[in-house]
Amino acid sequence: MNTENLLHPLAVVVTAWAVTCLLRAFPFLVFGGGRKTPVGVEAFGRVISPLVIAGLLVYSYCGLECRLVAPWAAGVLTVGLQLALRNPLLSILGGTALYMTLLHFGV
C-alpha cells in the first residue's frame, strides 16, 4: 500500500479530532475560571433548543403529504412536551417514540 494513500485519511482524522477537541474546549477556555457569562450568551442558550426543534419540524414537514397522521401527531407532541417540560431530550424522544409507534401500526 502506498504511504500517500495512508497518510491522507490519517491526516483527515487527526485534523477532525483536533478541531473537535478545540471546539469543545473553547467555552471552558473563554468562560471558565469564575468569569461571568455574557448576557447574550445566556439568552442564546435559552432559545437555542426551541429554535433547533422548530427548524427540525419545518424541515421534516417540507413536501409532507397531509393525509399522514403520524408526523403531525409527533410534531404536536414534541412541541407540547418542549413547552411543558423545557427538556429538549424528552421532547425529541417523546415525539420520536410516538412517530415510530404510529408508523408501526400504520396510522
Protein backbone atom coordinates (compact mmCIF):
# COMPACT_ATOMS: atom_id res chain seq x y z
CA MET A 1 0.00 0.00 0.00
CA ASN A 2 1.23 3.45 -0.91
CA THR A 3 2.12 5.62 2.12
CA GLU A 4 0.48 8.60 0.42
CA ASN A 5 -2.81 6.70 0.35
CA LEU A 6 -2.48 6.02 4.08
CA LEU A 7 -1.33 9.49 5.17
CA HIS A 8 -4.24 11.42 3.67
CA PRO A 9 -7.03 9.63 5.61
CA LEU A 10 -4.88 9.73 8.74
CA ALA A 11 -4.37 13.49 8.34
CA VAL A 12 -8.12 13.97 7.87
CA VAL A 13 -8.93 12.01 11.03
CA VAL A 14 -6.28 13.78 13.11
CA THR A 15 -7.43 17.20 11.86
CA ALA A 16 -11.09 16.40 12.60
CA TRP A 17 -10.13 15.19 16.07
CA ALA A 18 -8.09 18.33 16.82
CA VAL A 19 -10.82 20.69 15.60
CA THR A 20 -13.45 18.82 17.62
CA CYS A 21 -11.34 18.97 20.79
CA LEU A 22 -10.67 22.69 20.34
CA LEU A 23 -14.33 23.49 19.69
CA ARG A 24 -15.40 21.56 22.77
CA ALA A 25 -12.74 23.21 24.94
CA PHE A 26 -13.43 26.73 23.64
CA PRO A 27 -16.35 27.61 26.00
CA PHE A 28 -14.37 26.41 29.02
CA LEU A 29 -11.36 28.45 27.98
CA VAL A 30 -13.41 31.60 27.32
CA PHE A 31 -15.96 31.43 30.16
CA GLY A 32 -14.13 29.29 32.73
CA GLY A 33 -12.22 30.40 35.78
CA GLY A 34 -15.12 32.12 37.52
CA ARG A 35 -15.71 34.68 34.76
CA LYS A 36 -19.26 35.91 34.27
CA THR A 37 -21.02 34.57 31.20
CA PRO A 38 -22.20 37.41 28.94
CA VAL A 39 -25.94 38.11 28.90
CA GLY A 40 -26.12 37.49 25.14
CA VAL A 41 -24.66 34.00 25.51
CA GLU A 42 -27.12 33.18 28.30
CA ALA A 43 -30.03 34.43 26.17
CA PHE A 44 -28.80 32.37 23.22
CA GLY A 45 -28.64 29.30 25.46
CA ARG A 46 -32.29 29.78 26.44
CA VAL A 47 -33.59 30.00 22.86
CA ILE A 48 -31.37 27.53 21.01
CA SER A 49 -33.33 24.37 21.94
CA PRO A 50 -36.73 25.68 20.77
CA LEU A 51 -35.10 27.04 17.61
CA VAL A 52 -33.47 23.70 16.80
CA ILE A 53 -36.75 21.84 17.35
CA ALA A 54 -38.62 24.38 15.19
CA GLY A 55 -36.03 24.01 12.45
CA LEU A 56 -36.28 20.22 12.56
CA LEU A 57 -40.07 20.39 12.37
CA VAL A 58 -40.05 22.78 9.42
CA TYR A 59 -37.50 20.67 7.58
CA SER A 60 -39.42 17.48 8.34
CA TYR A 61 -42.74 18.85 7.05
CA CYS A 62 -41.39 20.12 3.71
CA GLY A 63 -43.15 18.16 1.00
CA LEU A 64 -45.15 16.11 3.51
CA GLU A 65 -48.46 14.62 2.46
CA CYS A 66 -51.30 15.96 4.61
CA ARG A 67 -53.09 12.60 4.75
CA LEU A 68 -50.46 11.11 7.08
CA VAL A 69 -51.30 11.37 10.78
CA ALA A 70 -48.06 10.18 12.40
CA PRO A 71 -45.82 13.16 11.54
CA TRP A 72 -48.38 15.74 12.61
CA ALA A 73 -49.20 13.98 15.89
CA ALA A 74 -45.50 13.53 16.68
CA GLY A 75 -44.83 17.20 15.91
CA VAL A 76 -47.65 18.36 18.17
CA LEU A 77 -46.41 16.09 20.97
CA THR A 78 -42.81 17.28 20.54
CA VAL A 79 -43.77 20.95 20.70
CA GLY A 80 -46.17 20.33 23.60
CA LEU A 81 -43.55 18.47 25.62
CA GLN A 82 -40.99 21.18 24.94
CA LEU A 83 -43.37 23.92 26.06
CA ALA A 84 -44.43 21.98 29.15
CA LEU A 85 -41.15 20.44 30.29
CA ARG A 86 -38.47 22.64 28.68
CA ASN A 87 -36.39 19.50 28.18
CA PRO A 88 -35.28 19.01 24.57
CA LEU A 89 -34.14 15.43 25.11
CA LEU A 90 -37.51 14.30 26.49
CA SER A 91 -39.35 16.28 23.82
CA ILE A 92 -37.44 14.70 20.95
CA LEU A 93 -37.58 11.21 22.48
CA GLY A 94 -41.33 11.50 23.13
CA GLY A 95 -42.09 12.72 19.61
CA THR A 96 -39.87 10.07 18.05
CA ALA A 97 -41.44 7.29 20.14
CA LEU A 98 -44.96 8.38 19.16
CA TYR A 99 -43.98 8.67 15.49
CA MET A 100 -42.41 5.23 15.37
CA THR A 101 -45.35 3.69 17.24
CA LEU A 102 -47.88 5.22 14.86
CA LEU A 103 -45.82 4.10 11.84
CA HIS A 104 -45.67 0.58 13.25
CA PHE A 105 -49.45 0.44 13.46
CA GLY A 106 -49.84 2.02 10.01
CA VAL A 107 -51.52 5.25 11.06
